[in-house]
Each structure stands twice: as structure tokens, then as C-alpha cells.
Amino acid sequence: MDEELPVPAGILRCIAAYAPLCDDGRFAEWGDLFCEDASFRVMGRTSEGREAIRAFIEAGQPPERRGKHMCAAPLVVMVSEREAQAWTEFIFVTPKGPITSSGRYHDRLVRGDDNRWRFALREIVFTSKAPELAAEVPGIV
């Protein structure tokens, strides 16, 4: 059996920072979680590039619509020392309490020249849907 590459803490930090930065409206910091040329797909729409991604989420998350993204521990597979894929289950709770969505984040992360891990692709796949751009969850052996 091949030895697996260890998962760098920077990957876990990037994935973990996504929800609280978005929920708190800290969109400049949230946007910096993405590569300059990243892709972000949700609800049939793909935004290309860090600034377009940030502008899209900021417009869709005004203060009165922000709730809490609750995320499970991610499944991370190292593709190489500079690239990883990850899958993270989530639910979204509105400010008044009901869960309004659930699904899975399908990610490709890369380590940049500055050694920071960022999303190159994040596709939000709602429950019972299939990803259109990202990889399916791998089988676990």
C-alpha cells in the first residue's frame, strides 16, 4: 500500500476559515482564501477569479441573510505536495434558526508560491445533487 502524504495544517486552516469569515461578513479576508484565478460554483453559476467570487458572495450575504455555516471535518486527499482535494459536509442555519440548506463542498486546493493553501476550485453541491466541475468523493479502502 502506498504511503499517504500528510495533510498540511494550512489546508485545514483554509477550509475552517471559510465559514466564520463568511458568516461574519469579513469578505476581504474570505476572498483571500481563493487563488487569483479560482473558480467558485454554486446554484448553476460559476464565478471566475478572486474578485468576482468575493463580489458574488458579498452581494448574496447581506447582514440580514447571514446565518451560520456548520461544517463537518473534511476528507482531504493529497494529490501532490502542492495540490489537494477535499470534501466537507455542511448545513446552513438561518439567523432565526431553521436549517435552509445542506450539502457538501467539493474543493481543489493548491499551495501558492507564498506557501499559503488556497481554493483553486470550490463547488457547493446541495444534498441529492451531483458535482458538475469537481471530483466525486473517492472510495475509502
C-alpha atoms as a PDB file:
ATOM      1  CA  MET A   1       0.000   0.000   0.000  1.00  0.00           C
ATOM      2  CA  ASP A   2       1.309   3.462  -0.909  1.00  0.00           C
ATOM      3  CA  GLU A   3       2.172   5.768   1.958  1.00  0.00           C
ATOM      4  CA  GLU A   4      -0.166   8.756   2.093  1.00  0.00           C
ATOM      5  CA  LEU A   5       1.156  12.302   2.180  1.00  0.00           C
ATOM      6  CA  PRO A   6       0.359  14.090   5.455  1.00  0.00           C
ATOM      7  CA  VAL A   7      -2.316  16.794   5.321  1.00  0.00           C
ATOM      8  CA  PRO A   8      -0.733  20.202   5.962  1.00  0.00           C
ATOM      9  CA  ALA A   9      -2.312  22.337   8.670  1.00  0.00           C
ATOM     10  CA  GLY A  10      -2.655  25.159   6.124  1.00  0.00           C
ATOM     11  CA  ILE A  11      -5.251  23.145   4.193  1.00  0.00           C
ATOM     12  CA  LEU A  12      -7.327  22.563   7.301  1.00  0.00           C
ATOM     13  CA  ARG A  13      -6.973  26.237   8.271  1.00  0.00           C
ATOM     14  CA  CYS A  14      -8.180  27.386   4.831  1.00  0.00           C
ATOM     15  CA  ILE A  15     -11.208  25.087   4.921  1.00  0.00           C
ATOM     16  CA  ALA A  16     -12.031  26.006   8.541  1.00  0.00           C
ATOM     17  CA  ALA A  17     -11.741  29.772   7.956  1.00  0.00           C
ATOM     18  CA  TYR A  18     -14.285  29.797   5.119  1.00  0.00           C
ATOM     19  CA  ALA A  19     -17.456  29.609   7.243  1.00  0.00           C
ATOM     20  CA  PRO A  20     -16.702  32.072  10.066  1.00  0.00           C
ATOM     21  CA  LEU A  21     -15.258  34.697   7.716  1.00  0.00           C
ATOM     22  CA  CYS A  22     -18.341  34.491   5.507  1.00  0.00           C
ATOM     23  CA  ASP A  23     -20.762  34.409   8.444  1.00  0.00           C
ATOM     24  CA  ASP A  24     -19.083  37.451   9.995  1.00  0.00           C
ATOM     25  CA  GLY A  25     -19.087  39.426   6.735  1.00  0.00           C
ATOM     26  CA  ARG A  26     -15.295  39.612   6.564  1.00  0.00           C
ATOM     27  CA  PHE A  27     -15.319  39.337   2.788  1.00  0.00           C
ATOM     28  CA  ALA A  28     -11.846  40.738   2.034  1.00  0.00           C
ATOM     29  CA  GLU A  29     -10.285  38.047   4.245  1.00  0.00           C
ATOM     30  CA  TRP A  30     -12.741  35.446   2.930  1.00  0.00           C
ATOM     31  CA  GLY A  31     -11.780  36.304  -0.647  1.00  0.00           C
ATOM     32  CA  ASP A  32      -8.117  35.802   0.170  1.00  0.00           C
ATOM     33  CA  LEU A  33      -8.881  32.115   0.777  1.00  0.00           C
ATOM     34  CA  PHE A  34      -9.142  31.779  -3.021  1.00  0.00           C
ATOM     35  CA  CYS A  35      -6.411  31.807  -5.673  1.00  0.00           C
ATOM     36  CA  GLU A  36      -6.409  34.804  -8.011  1.00  0.00           C
ATOM     37  CA  ASP A  37      -7.733  32.571 -10.820  1.00  0.00           C
ATOM     38  CA  ALA A  38     -10.032  30.362  -8.720  1.00  0.00           C
ATOM     39  CA  SER A  39     -13.449  29.064  -9.745  1.00  0.00           C
ATOM     40  CA  PHE A  40     -16.469  29.059  -7.432  1.00  0.00           C
ATOM     41  CA  ARG A  41     -19.617  27.178  -8.452  1.00  0.00           C
ATOM     42  CA  VAL A  42     -22.971  27.311  -6.697  1.00  0.00           C
ATOM     43  CA  MET A  43     -26.616  27.135  -7.845  1.00  0.00           C
ATOM     44  CA  GLY A  44     -25.657  26.630 -11.504  1.00  0.00           C
ATOM     45  CA  ARG A  45     -23.427  29.702 -11.614  1.00  0.00           C
ATOM     46  CA  THR A  46     -19.644  29.796 -11.827  1.00  0.00           C
ATOM     47  CA  SER A  47     -17.685  32.852 -10.748  1.00  0.00           C
ATOM     48  CA  GLU A  48     -14.127  33.092 -12.035  1.00  0.00           C
ATOM     49  CA  GLY A  49     -11.346  34.935 -10.229  1.00  0.00           C
ATOM     50  CA  ARG A  50     -10.923  36.033  -6.617  1.00  0.00           C
ATOM     51  CA  GLU A  51     -12.575  39.443  -7.030  1.00  0.00           C
ATOM     52  CA  ALA A  52     -15.606  38.089  -8.884  1.00  0.00           C
ATOM     53  CA  ILE A  53     -16.019  35.351  -6.267  1.00  0.00           C
ATOM     54  CA  ARG A  54     -15.797  37.857  -3.403  1.00  0.00           C
ATOM     55  CA  ALA A  55     -18.270  40.230  -5.066  1.00  0.00           C
ATOM     56  CA  PHE A  56     -20.733  37.380  -5.696  1.00  0.00           C
ATOM     57  CA  ILE A  57     -20.738  36.137  -2.102  1.00  0.00           C
ATOM     58  CA  GLU A  58     -20.790  39.634  -0.622  1.00  0.00           C
ATOM     59  CA  ALA A  59     -23.876  40.510  -2.680  1.00  0.00           C
ATOM     60  CA  GLY A  60     -25.565  37.266  -1.648  1.00  0.00           C
ATOM     61  CA  GLN A  61     -24.777  37.582   2.066  1.00  0.00           C
ATOM     62  CA  PRO A  62     -26.038  40.953   3.338  1.00  0.00           C
ATOM     63  CA  PRO A  63     -26.133  41.200   7.154  1.00  0.00           C
ATOM     64  CA  GLU A  64     -29.801  40.242   7.434  1.00  0.00           C
ATOM     65  CA  ARG A  65     -29.263  36.974   5.500  1.00  0.00           C
ATOM     66  CA  ARG A  66     -26.113  35.808   7.276  1.00  0.00           C
ATOM     67  CA  GLY A  67     -26.547  32.783   9.460  1.00  0.00           C
ATOM     68  CA  LYS A  68     -24.164  30.025  10.441  1.00  0.00           C
ATOM     69  CA  HIS A  69     -22.435  27.529   8.219  1.00  0.00           C
ATOM     70  CA  MET A  70     -21.891  24.383  10.279  1.00  0.00           C
ATOM     71  CA  CYS A  71     -19.221  22.135   8.792  1.00  0.00           C
ATOM     72  CA  ALA A  72     -18.028  18.615   9.489  1.00  0.00           C
ATOM     73  CA  ALA A  73     -14.408  17.552   9.465  1.00  0.00           C
ATOM     74  CA  PRO A  74     -13.154  17.483   5.865  1.00  0.00           C
ATOM     75  CA  LEU A  75     -11.975  14.432   3.979  1.00  0.00           C
ATOM     76  CA  VAL A  76      -8.679  15.525   2.407  1.00  0.00           C
ATOM     77  CA  VAL A  77      -6.689  13.630  -0.215  1.00  0.00           C
ATOM     78  CA  MET A  78      -3.243  14.916  -1.094  1.00  0.00           C
ATOM     79  CA  VAL A  79      -2.725  14.803  -4.862  1.00  0.00           C
ATOM     80  CA  SER A  80       0.848  16.064  -4.523  1.00  0.00           C
ATOM     81  CA  GLU A  81       2.829  18.253  -2.152  1.00  0.00           C
ATOM     82  CA  ARG A  82       1.237  21.316  -3.795  1.00  0.00           C
ATOM     83  CA  GLU A  83      -2.306  20.126  -4.555  1.00  0.00           C
ATOM     84  CA  ALA A  84      -5.124  18.520  -2.601  1.00  0.00           C
ATOM     85  CA  GLN A  85      -8.775  17.635  -2.970  1.00  0.00           C
ATOM     86  CA  ALA A  86     -11.226  17.941  -0.096  1.00  0.00           C
ATOM     87  CA  TRP A  87     -14.861  17.203   0.652  1.00  0.00           C
ATOM     88  CA  THR A  88     -16.685  18.793   3.577  1.00  0.00           C
ATOM     89  CA  GLU A  89     -20.285  18.252   4.639  1.00  0.00           C
ATOM     90  CA  PHE A  90     -22.226  21.384   5.655  1.00  0.00           C
ATOM     91  CA  ILE A  91     -25.561  22.711   6.822  1.00  0.00           C
ATOM     92  CA  PHE A  92     -26.633  26.350   6.816  1.00  0.00           C
ATOM     93  CA  VAL A  93     -28.728  27.690   9.690  1.00  0.00           C
ATOM     94  CA  THR A  94     -30.593  30.969   9.170  1.00  0.00           C
ATOM     95  CA  PRO A  95     -30.446  33.809  11.704  1.00  0.00           C
ATOM     96  CA  LYS A  96     -33.857  32.690  13.008  1.00  0.00           C
ATOM     97  CA  GLY A  97     -32.803  29.066  13.421  1.00  0.00           C
ATOM     98  CA  PRO A  98     -34.118  26.791  10.649  1.00  0.00           C
ATOM     99  CA  ILE A  99     -31.710  24.802   8.513  1.00  0.00           C
ATOM    100  CA  THR A 100     -32.252  26.042   4.974  1.00  0.00           C
ATOM    101  CA  SER A 101     -29.624  24.075   3.064  1.00  0.00           C
ATOM    102  CA  SER A 102     -27.268  21.171   3.351  1.00  0.00           C
ATOM    103  CA  GLY A 103     -24.713  19.593   1.125  1.00  0.00           C
ATOM    104  CA  ARG A 104     -21.036  19.163   0.501  1.00  0.00           C
ATOM    105  CA  TYR A 105     -18.173  21.410  -0.527  1.00  0.00           C
ATOM    106  CA  HIS A 106     -16.036  19.854  -3.268  1.00  0.00           C
ATOM    107  CA  ASP A 107     -12.629  21.533  -3.291  1.00  0.00           C
ATOM    108  CA  ARG A 108      -9.343  21.603  -5.099  1.00  0.00           C
ATOM    109  CA  LEU A 109      -6.700  23.445  -3.092  1.00  0.00           C
ATOM    110  CA  VAL A 110      -3.232  24.471  -4.176  1.00  0.00           C
ATOM    111  CA  ARG A 111      -0.216  25.796  -2.329  1.00  0.00           C
ATOM    112  CA  GLY A 112       0.983  29.045  -3.833  1.00  0.00           C
ATOM    113  CA  ASP A 113       4.474  30.459  -4.169  1.00  0.00           C
ATOM    114  CA  ASP A 114       3.872  32.183  -0.812  1.00  0.00           C
ATOM    115  CA  ASN A 115       3.304  28.681   0.709  1.00  0.00           C
ATOM    116  CA  ARG A 116      -0.335  29.500   1.559  1.00  0.00           C
ATOM    117  CA  TRP A 117      -3.002  26.975   0.701  1.00  0.00           C
ATOM    118  CA  ARG A 118      -5.985  28.423  -1.157  1.00  0.00           C
ATOM    119  CA  PHE A 119      -9.026  27.188  -3.013  1.00  0.00           C
ATOM    120  CA  ALA A 120      -8.426  26.787  -6.741  1.00  0.00           C
ATOM    121  CA  LEU A 121     -11.970  25.423  -7.036  1.00  0.00           C
ATOM    122  CA  ARG A 122     -14.841  25.300  -4.604  1.00  0.00           C
ATOM    123  CA  GLU A 123     -18.102  23.808  -5.798  1.00  0.00           C
ATOM    124  CA  ILE A 124     -21.081  23.833  -3.464  1.00  0.00           C
ATOM    125  CA  VAL A 125     -23.139  20.726  -4.132  1.00  0.00           C
ATOM    126  CA  PHE A 126     -26.503  20.648  -2.387  1.00  0.00           C
ATOM    127  CA  THR A 127     -27.882  17.438  -0.918  1.00  0.00           C
ATOM    128  CA  SER A 128     -29.045  14.919  -3.558  1.00  0.00           C
ATOM    129  CA  LYS A 129     -27.234  16.764  -6.377  1.00  0.00           C
ATOM    130  CA  ALA A 130     -24.046  15.759  -8.208  1.00  0.00           C
ATOM    131  CA  PRO A 131     -20.979  17.949  -8.770  1.00  0.00           C
ATOM    132  CA  GLU A 132     -20.602  19.490 -12.197  1.00  0.00           C
ATOM    133  CA  LEU A 133     -16.975  20.665 -12.037  1.00  0.00           C
ATOM    134  CA  ALA A 134     -15.350  18.944  -9.074  1.00  0.00           C
ATOM    135  CA  ALA A 135     -14.421  15.379  -8.263  1.00  0.00           C
ATOM    136  CA  GLU A 136     -16.755  12.941  -6.561  1.00  0.00           C
ATOM    137  CA  VAL A 137     -15.834  11.681  -3.097  1.00  0.00           C
ATOM    138  CA  PRO A 138     -13.325   8.857  -3.506  1.00  0.00           C
ATOM    139  CA  GLY A 139     -13.980   5.368  -2.245  1.00  0.00           C
ATOM    140  CA  ILE A 140     -12.473   4.614   1.139  1.00  0.00           C
ATOM    141  CA  VAL A 141     -10.450   1.440   1.363  1.00  0.00           C
END
